[in-house]
Amino acid sequence: MLLQLALDDPAHLALLPALSEHVDIVEVGTPLLKRFGLAGIATVREVMGAGPALLVDSKTVDGGAEEAEMYFRLGADFMTVLAAAAPATLAAVARVASAHGGYAVADLICSPSLPEQPDSFPDRIAYVLLHSATDVRRAGGGDDSNLARSQTLRRLGYQVALAGGIGHHNLSQVIQAGPQVVVVGSAITGAENPVEVARWISAQMVDRGSGWPPSMKSVRSRRG
């Protein structure tokens, strides 16, 4: 089980040196990407060095090859593509990811339904992401249904990431659902002591799940 840290605000970049050792993946969140563009990716990669893997939360929905080429050339290990995108876009992203030794994550945030069959995505898509939308949660919506959906997808053979509203109040339930990746943002970056919270969350995840997914083993060996 891996801990992914989502960075969505410029102020979060200052936390990165202290937090890197406690997380497995650092995410350049969509707001950060839109604010700083490719320079934001390059900056995070430079600050981290050979530390955690780097994910670009681009939520790509078209122009997959062009976007993937930009992100992976700058040192991204992962990028997100909407699962609802056209199969041609998913294939294009996967093809470029493979050429650079990287991976894609299929984000189900706008998908009307879950995949019902195994192998619905190209092989180079390492995970499917069950994402509780920020605007829905801010409007008072959202529930725990993604926890059950995670188990459904895992039974189909998918590696699963869970994101959105994860923190102290629900971490134990999230861990019990058994995703391969747990994405945490404001519960860490908005904490009074972000390092202490990241260390605590990481400690809860030790020896849970099935260990490092093969795709992350490949990324780790590539990063040293």
C-alpha atoms as a PDB file:
ATOM      1  CA  MET A   1       0.000   0.000   0.000  1.00  0.00           C
ATOM      2  CA  LEU A   2       1.487   3.299  -1.144  1.00  0.00           C
ATOM      3  CA  LEU A   3       0.962   6.825   0.173  1.00  0.00           C
ATOM      4  CA  GLN A   4       0.489   9.528  -2.458  1.00  0.00           C
ATOM      5  CA  LEU A   5       0.758  13.172  -1.423  1.00  0.00           C
ATOM      6  CA  ALA A   6      -1.372  15.609  -3.444  1.00  0.00           C
ATOM      7  CA  LEU A   7       0.028  19.131  -3.804  1.00  0.00           C
ATOM      8  CA  ASP A   8      -2.598  21.620  -4.984  1.00  0.00           C
ATOM      9  CA  ASP A   9      -1.365  24.999  -3.751  1.00  0.00           C
ATOM     10  CA  PRO A  10       1.927  26.855  -4.346  1.00  0.00           C
ATOM     11  CA  ALA A  11       2.498  27.022  -0.581  1.00  0.00           C
ATOM     12  CA  HIS A  12       2.623  23.214  -0.502  1.00  0.00           C
ATOM     13  CA  LEU A  13       5.892  23.211  -2.469  1.00  0.00           C
ATOM     14  CA  ALA A  14       7.712  24.517   0.611  1.00  0.00           C
ATOM     15  CA  LEU A  15       6.638  21.370   2.510  1.00  0.00           C
ATOM     16  CA  LEU A  16       8.044  18.959  -0.045  1.00  0.00           C
ATOM     17  CA  PRO A  17      11.633  18.569   1.213  1.00  0.00           C
ATOM     18  CA  ALA A  18      10.428  17.598   4.694  1.00  0.00           C
ATOM     19  CA  LEU A  19       7.623  15.334   3.477  1.00  0.00           C
ATOM     20  CA  SER A  20       9.376  13.423   0.692  1.00  0.00           C
ATOM     21  CA  GLU A  21      10.803  10.710   2.914  1.00  0.00           C
ATOM     22  CA  HIS A  22       7.356   9.831   4.291  1.00  0.00           C
ATOM     23  CA  VAL A  23       5.509   9.344   0.984  1.00  0.00           C
ATOM     24  CA  ASP A  24       5.861   7.056  -2.029  1.00  0.00           C
ATOM     25  CA  ILE A  25       4.342   9.249  -4.743  1.00  0.00           C
ATOM     26  CA  VAL A  26       4.141  13.036  -4.991  1.00  0.00           C
ATOM     27  CA  GLU A  27       1.295  14.411  -7.095  1.00  0.00           C
ATOM     28  CA  VAL A  28       1.410  17.684  -8.960  1.00  0.00           C
ATOM     29  CA  GLY A  29      -2.286  18.392  -8.459  1.00  0.00           C
ATOM     30  CA  THR A  30      -4.470  19.832 -11.202  1.00  0.00           C
ATOM     31  CA  PRO A  31      -4.703  23.356  -9.670  1.00  0.00           C
ATOM     32  CA  LEU A  32      -0.910  23.475  -9.309  1.00  0.00           C
ATOM     33  CA  LEU A  33      -0.412  22.211 -12.851  1.00  0.00           C
ATOM     34  CA  LYS A  34      -2.775  24.824 -14.284  1.00  0.00           C
ATOM     35  CA  ARG A  35      -1.102  27.598 -12.337  1.00  0.00           C
ATOM     36  CA  PHE A  36       2.528  26.799 -13.162  1.00  0.00           C
ATOM     37  CA  GLY A  37       2.292  24.506 -16.172  1.00  0.00           C
ATOM     38  CA  LEU A  38       5.308  22.455 -17.117  1.00  0.00           C
ATOM     39  CA  ALA A  39       7.543  24.585 -14.881  1.00  0.00           C
ATOM     40  CA  GLY A  40       5.667  23.219 -11.868  1.00  0.00           C
ATOM     41  CA  ILE A  41       6.436  19.639 -12.880  1.00  0.00           C
ATOM     42  CA  ALA A  42      10.098  20.423 -13.457  1.00  0.00           C
ATOM     43  CA  THR A  43      10.343  22.195 -10.104  1.00  0.00           C
ATOM     44  CA  VAL A  44       8.826  19.311  -8.137  1.00  0.00           C
ATOM     45  CA  ARG A  45      11.066  16.825  -9.939  1.00  0.00           C
ATOM     46  CA  GLU A  46      14.141  18.926  -9.143  1.00  0.00           C
ATOM     47  CA  VAL A  47      13.224  19.364  -5.472  1.00  0.00           C
ATOM     48  CA  MET A  48      12.564  15.633  -5.019  1.00  0.00           C
ATOM     49  CA  GLY A  49      15.624  14.425  -6.913  1.00  0.00           C
ATOM     50  CA  ALA A  50      15.613  10.622  -6.946  1.00  0.00           C
ATOM     51  CA  GLY A  51      13.090  10.455  -4.123  1.00  0.00           C
ATOM     52  CA  PRO A  52       9.398   9.547  -4.439  1.00  0.00           C
ATOM     53  CA  ALA A  53       7.775   8.840  -7.766  1.00  0.00           C
ATOM     54  CA  LEU A  54       6.130  11.823  -9.469  1.00  0.00           C
ATOM     55  CA  LEU A  55       2.528  11.841 -10.715  1.00  0.00           C
ATOM     56  CA  VAL A  56       1.013  14.602 -12.848  1.00  0.00           C
ATOM     57  CA  ASP A  57      -2.725  14.887 -12.234  1.00  0.00           C
ATOM     58  CA  SER A  58      -3.502  16.210 -15.699  1.00  0.00           C
ATOM     59  CA  LYS A  59      -6.915  14.513 -16.043  1.00  0.00           C
ATOM     60  CA  THR A  60      -6.152  14.227 -19.744  1.00  0.00           C
ATOM     61  CA  VAL A  61      -9.221  13.715 -21.920  1.00  0.00           C
ATOM     62  CA  ASP A  62      -7.884  14.394 -25.434  1.00  0.00           C
ATOM     63  CA  GLY A  63      -4.577  15.062 -27.140  1.00  0.00           C
ATOM     64  CA  GLY A  64      -3.207  12.181 -25.127  1.00  0.00           C
ATOM     65  CA  ALA A  65       0.071  11.643 -26.969  1.00  0.00           C
ATOM     66  CA  GLU A  66       1.011  15.342 -26.932  1.00  0.00           C
ATOM     67  CA  GLU A  67       0.286  15.795 -23.238  1.00  0.00           C
ATOM     68  CA  ALA A  68       1.959  12.544 -22.224  1.00  0.00           C
ATOM     69  CA  GLU A  69       5.097  13.440 -24.167  1.00  0.00           C
ATOM     70  CA  MET A  70       5.424  16.726 -22.288  1.00  0.00           C
ATOM     71  CA  TYR A  71       4.940  15.227 -18.840  1.00  0.00           C
ATOM     72  CA  PHE A  72       7.129  12.157 -19.199  1.00  0.00           C
ATOM     73  CA  ARG A  73       9.950  14.118 -20.812  1.00  0.00           C
ATOM     74  CA  LEU A  74      10.065  16.235 -17.649  1.00  0.00           C
ATOM     75  CA  GLY A  75      10.505  13.202 -15.417  1.00  0.00           C
ATOM     76  CA  ALA A  76       6.947  12.225 -14.520  1.00  0.00           C
ATOM     77  CA  ASP A  77       6.511   8.581 -13.557  1.00  0.00           C
ATOM     78  CA  PHE A  78       2.705   8.673 -13.766  1.00  0.00           C
ATOM     79  CA  MET A  79       0.012  10.856 -15.297  1.00  0.00           C
ATOM     80  CA  THR A  80      -3.766  10.691 -15.001  1.00  0.00           C
ATOM     81  CA  VAL A  81      -6.118  10.237 -17.923  1.00  0.00           C
ATOM     82  CA  LEU A  82      -9.886  10.245 -17.559  1.00  0.00           C
ATOM     83  CA  ALA A  83     -11.278   6.727 -17.786  1.00  0.00           C
ATOM     84  CA  ALA A  84     -14.187   8.244 -19.735  1.00  0.00           C
ATOM     85  CA  ALA A  85     -11.822   9.423 -22.480  1.00  0.00           C
ATOM     86  CA  ALA A  86     -11.988   7.803 -25.890  1.00  0.00           C
ATOM     87  CA  PRO A  87     -10.192   4.454 -26.203  1.00  0.00           C
ATOM     88  CA  ALA A  88      -7.885   6.129 -28.731  1.00  0.00           C
ATOM     89  CA  THR A  89      -6.811   8.666 -26.096  1.00  0.00           C
ATOM     90  CA  LEU A  90      -6.200   5.967 -23.490  1.00  0.00           C
ATOM     91  CA  ALA A  91      -4.141   4.015 -26.032  1.00  0.00           C
ATOM     92  CA  ALA A  92      -2.133   7.090 -27.035  1.00  0.00           C
ATOM     93  CA  VAL A  93      -1.267   7.936 -23.429  1.00  0.00           C
ATOM     94  CA  ALA A  94      -0.303   4.316 -22.735  1.00  0.00           C
ATOM     95  CA  ARG A  95       1.904   4.187 -25.812  1.00  0.00           C
ATOM     96  CA  VAL A  96       3.881   7.304 -24.876  1.00  0.00           C
ATOM     97  CA  ALA A  97       4.097   6.233 -21.231  1.00  0.00           C
ATOM     98  CA  SER A  98       5.620   2.932 -22.314  1.00  0.00           C
ATOM     99  CA  ALA A  99       8.163   4.679 -24.538  1.00  0.00           C
ATOM    100  CA  HIS A 100       9.374   6.696 -21.532  1.00  0.00           C
ATOM    101  CA  GLY A 101       9.206   3.880 -18.970  1.00  0.00           C
ATOM    102  CA  GLY A 102       6.281   5.563 -17.231  1.00  0.00           C
ATOM    103  CA  TYR A 103       2.683   4.660 -16.429  1.00  0.00           C
ATOM    104  CA  ALA A 104      -0.800   6.140 -16.580  1.00  0.00           C
ATOM    105  CA  VAL A 105      -3.620   6.130 -14.056  1.00  0.00           C
ATOM    106  CA  ALA A 106      -7.242   5.929 -15.261  1.00  0.00           C
ATOM    107  CA  ASP A 107      -9.300   8.408 -13.222  1.00  0.00           C
ATOM    108  CA  LEU A 108     -12.936   7.342 -12.857  1.00  0.00           C
ATOM    109  CA  ILE A 109     -14.073  10.739 -11.560  1.00  0.00           C
ATOM    110  CA  CYS A 110     -16.382  11.467 -14.535  1.00  0.00           C
ATOM    111  CA  SER A 111     -17.233   7.908 -15.489  1.00  0.00           C
ATOM    112  CA  PRO A 112     -20.928   7.000 -15.301  1.00  0.00           C
ATOM    113  CA  SER A 113     -20.120   3.426 -14.320  1.00  0.00           C
ATOM    114  CA  LEU A 114     -17.280   1.151 -13.259  1.00  0.00           C
ATOM    115  CA  PRO A 115     -15.504  -1.244 -15.610  1.00  0.00           C
ATOM    116  CA  GLU A 116     -17.381  -4.524 -15.581  1.00  0.00           C
ATOM    117  CA  GLN A 117     -14.684  -6.639 -17.181  1.00  0.00           C
ATOM    118  CA  PRO A 118     -10.993  -7.151 -16.468  1.00  0.00           C
ATOM    119  CA  ASP A 119      -8.475  -5.602 -18.861  1.00  0.00           C
ATOM    120  CA  SER A 120     -10.738  -2.727 -19.922  1.00  0.00           C
ATOM    121  CA  PHE A 121      -7.703  -0.438 -20.213  1.00  0.00           C
ATOM    122  CA  PRO A 122      -4.323  -0.699 -21.988  1.00  0.00           C
ATOM    123  CA  ASP A 123      -1.616  -2.562 -20.092  1.00  0.00           C
ATOM    124  CA  ARG A 124       0.442   0.551 -19.377  1.00  0.00           C
ATOM    125  CA  ILE A 125      -2.366   1.942 -17.219  1.00  0.00           C
ATOM    126  CA  ALA A 126      -1.122   0.866 -13.819  1.00  0.00           C
ATOM    127  CA  TYR A 127      -4.075   1.839 -11.622  1.00  0.00           C
ATOM    128  CA  VAL A 128      -7.680   2.888 -11.712  1.00  0.00           C
ATOM    129  CA  LEU A 129      -8.451   5.849  -9.455  1.00  0.00           C
ATOM    130  CA  LEU A 130     -11.677   6.067  -7.478  1.00  0.00           C
ATOM    131  CA  HIS A 131     -11.875   9.789  -6.878  1.00  0.00           C
ATOM    132  CA  SER A 132     -14.383  11.503  -4.585  1.00  0.00           C
ATOM    133  CA  ALA A 133     -14.865  14.854  -6.335  1.00  0.00           C
ATOM    134  CA  THR A 134     -13.884  17.987  -4.390  1.00  0.00           C
ATOM    135  CA  ASP A 135     -16.861  20.079  -5.510  1.00  0.00           C
ATOM    136  CA  VAL A 136     -19.302  17.323  -4.578  1.00  0.00           C
ATOM    137  CA  ARG A 137     -17.811  17.069  -1.100  1.00  0.00           C
ATOM    138  CA  ARG A 138     -17.816  20.849  -0.655  1.00  0.00           C
ATOM    139  CA  ALA A 139     -21.502  20.900  -1.558  1.00  0.00           C
ATOM    140  CA  GLY A 140     -22.221  18.376   1.177  1.00  0.00           C
ATOM    141  CA  GLY A 141     -22.351  15.312  -1.042  1.00  0.00           C
ATOM    142  CA  GLY A 142     -20.153  12.259  -1.180  1.00  0.00           C
ATOM    143  CA  ASP A 143     -20.313   8.993   0.715  1.00  0.00           C
ATOM    144  CA  ASP A 144     -18.263   5.883   1.426  1.00  0.00           C
ATOM    145  CA  SER A 145     -19.348   4.017  -1.708  1.00  0.00           C
ATOM    146  CA  ASN A 146     -15.867   4.139  -3.205  1.00  0.00           C
ATOM    147  CA  LEU A 147     -14.686   1.795  -0.459  1.00  0.00           C
ATOM    148  CA  ALA A 148     -16.996  -0.955  -1.709  1.00  0.00           C
ATOM    149  CA  ARG A 149     -16.220  -0.068  -5.325  1.00  0.00           C
ATOM    150  CA  SER A 150     -12.543  -0.521  -4.575  1.00  0.00           C
ATOM    151  CA  GLN A 151     -13.130  -4.107  -3.544  1.00  0.00           C
ATOM    152  CA  THR A 152     -15.275  -4.727  -6.635  1.00  0.00           C
ATOM    153  CA  LEU A 153     -12.502  -3.501  -8.912  1.00  0.00           C
ATOM    154  CA  ARG A 154      -9.852  -5.464  -7.068  1.00  0.00           C
ATOM    155  CA  ARG A 155     -11.869  -8.649  -7.590  1.00  0.00           C
ATOM    156  CA  LEU A 156     -11.715  -7.929 -11.326  1.00  0.00           C
ATOM    157  CA  GLY A 157      -7.934  -7.770 -11.068  1.00  0.00           C
ATOM    158  CA  TYR A 158      -7.415  -4.003 -11.097  1.00  0.00           C
ATOM    159  CA  GLN A 159      -4.917  -2.149  -8.948  1.00  0.00           C
ATOM    160  CA  VAL A 160      -6.852   0.642  -7.255  1.00  0.00           C
ATOM    161  CA  ALA A 161      -6.093   4.094  -5.879  1.00  0.00           C
ATOM    162  CA  LEU A 162      -8.497   5.948  -3.550  1.00  0.00           C
ATOM    163  CA  ALA A 163      -8.587   9.750  -3.372  1.00  0.00           C
ATOM    164  CA  GLY A 164     -10.736  12.533  -1.955  1.00  0.00           C
ATOM    165  CA  GLY A 165     -11.435  13.491   1.641  1.00  0.00           C
ATOM    166  CA  ILE A 166      -9.106  10.931   3.214  1.00  0.00           C
ATOM    167  CA  GLY A 167      -7.739  11.740   6.676  1.00  0.00           C
ATOM    168  CA  HIS A 168      -7.739  10.732  10.339  1.00  0.00           C
ATOM    169  CA  HIS A 169     -11.517  10.258  10.449  1.00  0.00           C
ATOM    170  CA  ASN A 170     -11.691   7.554   7.793  1.00  0.00           C
ATOM    171  CA  LEU A 171      -8.169   6.232   7.246  1.00  0.00           C
ATOM    172  CA  SER A 172      -8.829   2.914   8.989  1.00  0.00           C
ATOM    173  CA  GLN A 173     -11.829   2.196   6.729  1.00  0.00           C
ATOM    174  CA  VAL A 174      -9.798   3.161   3.657  1.00  0.00           C
ATOM    175  CA  ILE A 175      -6.994   0.807   4.653  1.00  0.00           C
ATOM    176  CA  GLN A 176      -9.481  -2.005   5.258  1.00  0.00           C
ATOM    177  CA  ALA A 177     -10.758  -1.549   1.685  1.00  0.00           C
ATOM    178  CA  GLY A 178      -7.278  -2.569   0.550  1.00  0.00           C
ATOM    179  CA  PRO A 179      -6.365  -0.138  -2.246  1.00  0.00           C
ATOM    180  CA  GLN A 180      -2.847  -0.214  -3.619  1.00  0.00           C
ATOM    181  CA  VAL A 181      -2.547   3.596  -3.380  1.00  0.00           C
ATOM    182  CA  VAL A 182      -4.035   6.009  -0.829  1.00  0.00           C
ATOM    183  CA  VAL A 183      -4.052   9.649  -1.946  1.00  0.00           C
ATOM    184  CA  VAL A 184      -3.986  12.271   0.812  1.00  0.00           C
ATOM    185  CA  GLY A 185      -3.899  16.014   0.293  1.00  0.00           C
ATOM    186  CA  SER A 186      -5.218  18.612   2.740  1.00  0.00           C
ATOM    187  CA  ALA A 187      -5.173  16.259   5.726  1.00  0.00           C
ATOM    188  CA  ILE A 188      -1.376  16.529   5.445  1.00  0.00           C
ATOM    189  CA  THR A 189      -0.729  19.869   3.736  1.00  0.00           C
ATOM    190  CA  GLY A 190      -3.291  21.702   5.880  1.00  0.00           C
ATOM    191  CA  ALA A 191      -2.163  20.191   9.165  1.00  0.00           C
ATOM    192  CA  GLU A 192      -0.478  22.181  11.926  1.00  0.00           C
ATOM    193  CA  ASN A 193       2.401  19.705  11.713  1.00  0.00           C
ATOM    194  CA  PRO A 194       2.380  18.176   8.197  1.00  0.00           C
ATOM    195  CA  VAL A 195       5.438  15.973   8.810  1.00  0.00           C
ATOM    196  CA  GLU A 196       3.934  14.459  11.938  1.00  0.00           C
ATOM    197  CA  VAL A 197       0.658  13.683  10.120  1.00  0.00           C
ATOM    198  CA  ALA A 198       2.432  12.208   7.082  1.00  0.00           C
ATOM    199  CA  ARG A 199       4.568  10.047   9.363  1.00  0.00           C
ATOM    200  CA  TRP A 200       1.491   8.840  11.248  1.00  0.00           C
ATOM    201  CA  ILE A 201      -0.471   7.999   8.086  1.00  0.00           C
ATOM    202  CA  SER A 202       2.515   6.191   6.615  1.00  0.00           C
ATOM    203  CA  ALA A 203       2.895   4.167   9.810  1.00  0.00           C
ATOM    204  CA  GLN A 204      -0.743   3.016   9.636  1.00  0.00           C
ATOM    205  CA  MET A 205      -0.110   1.636   6.159  1.00  0.00           C
ATOM    206  CA  VAL A 206       2.958  -0.456   6.968  1.00  0.00           C
ATOM    207  CA  ASP A 207       2.585  -4.159   6.158  1.00  0.00           C
ATOM    208  CA  ARG A 208      -0.912  -3.615   4.762  1.00  0.00           C
ATOM    209  CA  GLY A 209      -2.103  -4.916   1.415  1.00  0.00           C
ATOM    210  CA  SER A 210       0.116  -6.935  -0.899  1.00  0.00           C
ATOM    211  CA  GLY A 211       3.212  -4.774  -0.909  1.00  0.00           C
ATOM    212  CA  TRP A 212       4.682  -2.830  -3.802  1.00  0.00           C
ATOM    213  CA  PRO A 213       2.750  -3.275  -7.050  1.00  0.00           C
ATOM    214  CA  PRO A 214       5.009  -4.457  -9.901  1.00  0.00           C
ATOM    215  CA  SER A 215       4.715  -1.124 -11.708  1.00  0.00           C
ATOM    216  CA  MET A 216       6.082   0.736  -8.692  1.00  0.00           C
ATOM    217  CA  LYS A 217       8.921  -1.750  -8.331  1.00  0.00           C
ATOM    218  CA  SER A 218       9.900  -0.829 -11.869  1.00  0.00           C
ATOM    219  CA  VAL A 219       9.685   2.895 -11.124  1.00  0.00           C
ATOM    220  CA  ARG A 220      11.667   2.539  -7.915  1.00  0.00           C
ATOM    221  CA  SER A 221      14.456   0.608  -9.609  1.00  0.00           C
ATOM    222  CA  ARG A 222      14.561   3.252 -12.337  1.00  0.00           C
ATOM    223  CA  ARG A 223      14.833   6.035  -9.775  1.00  0.00           C
ATOM    224  CA  GLY A 224      17.467   4.211  -7.714  1.00  0.00           C
END
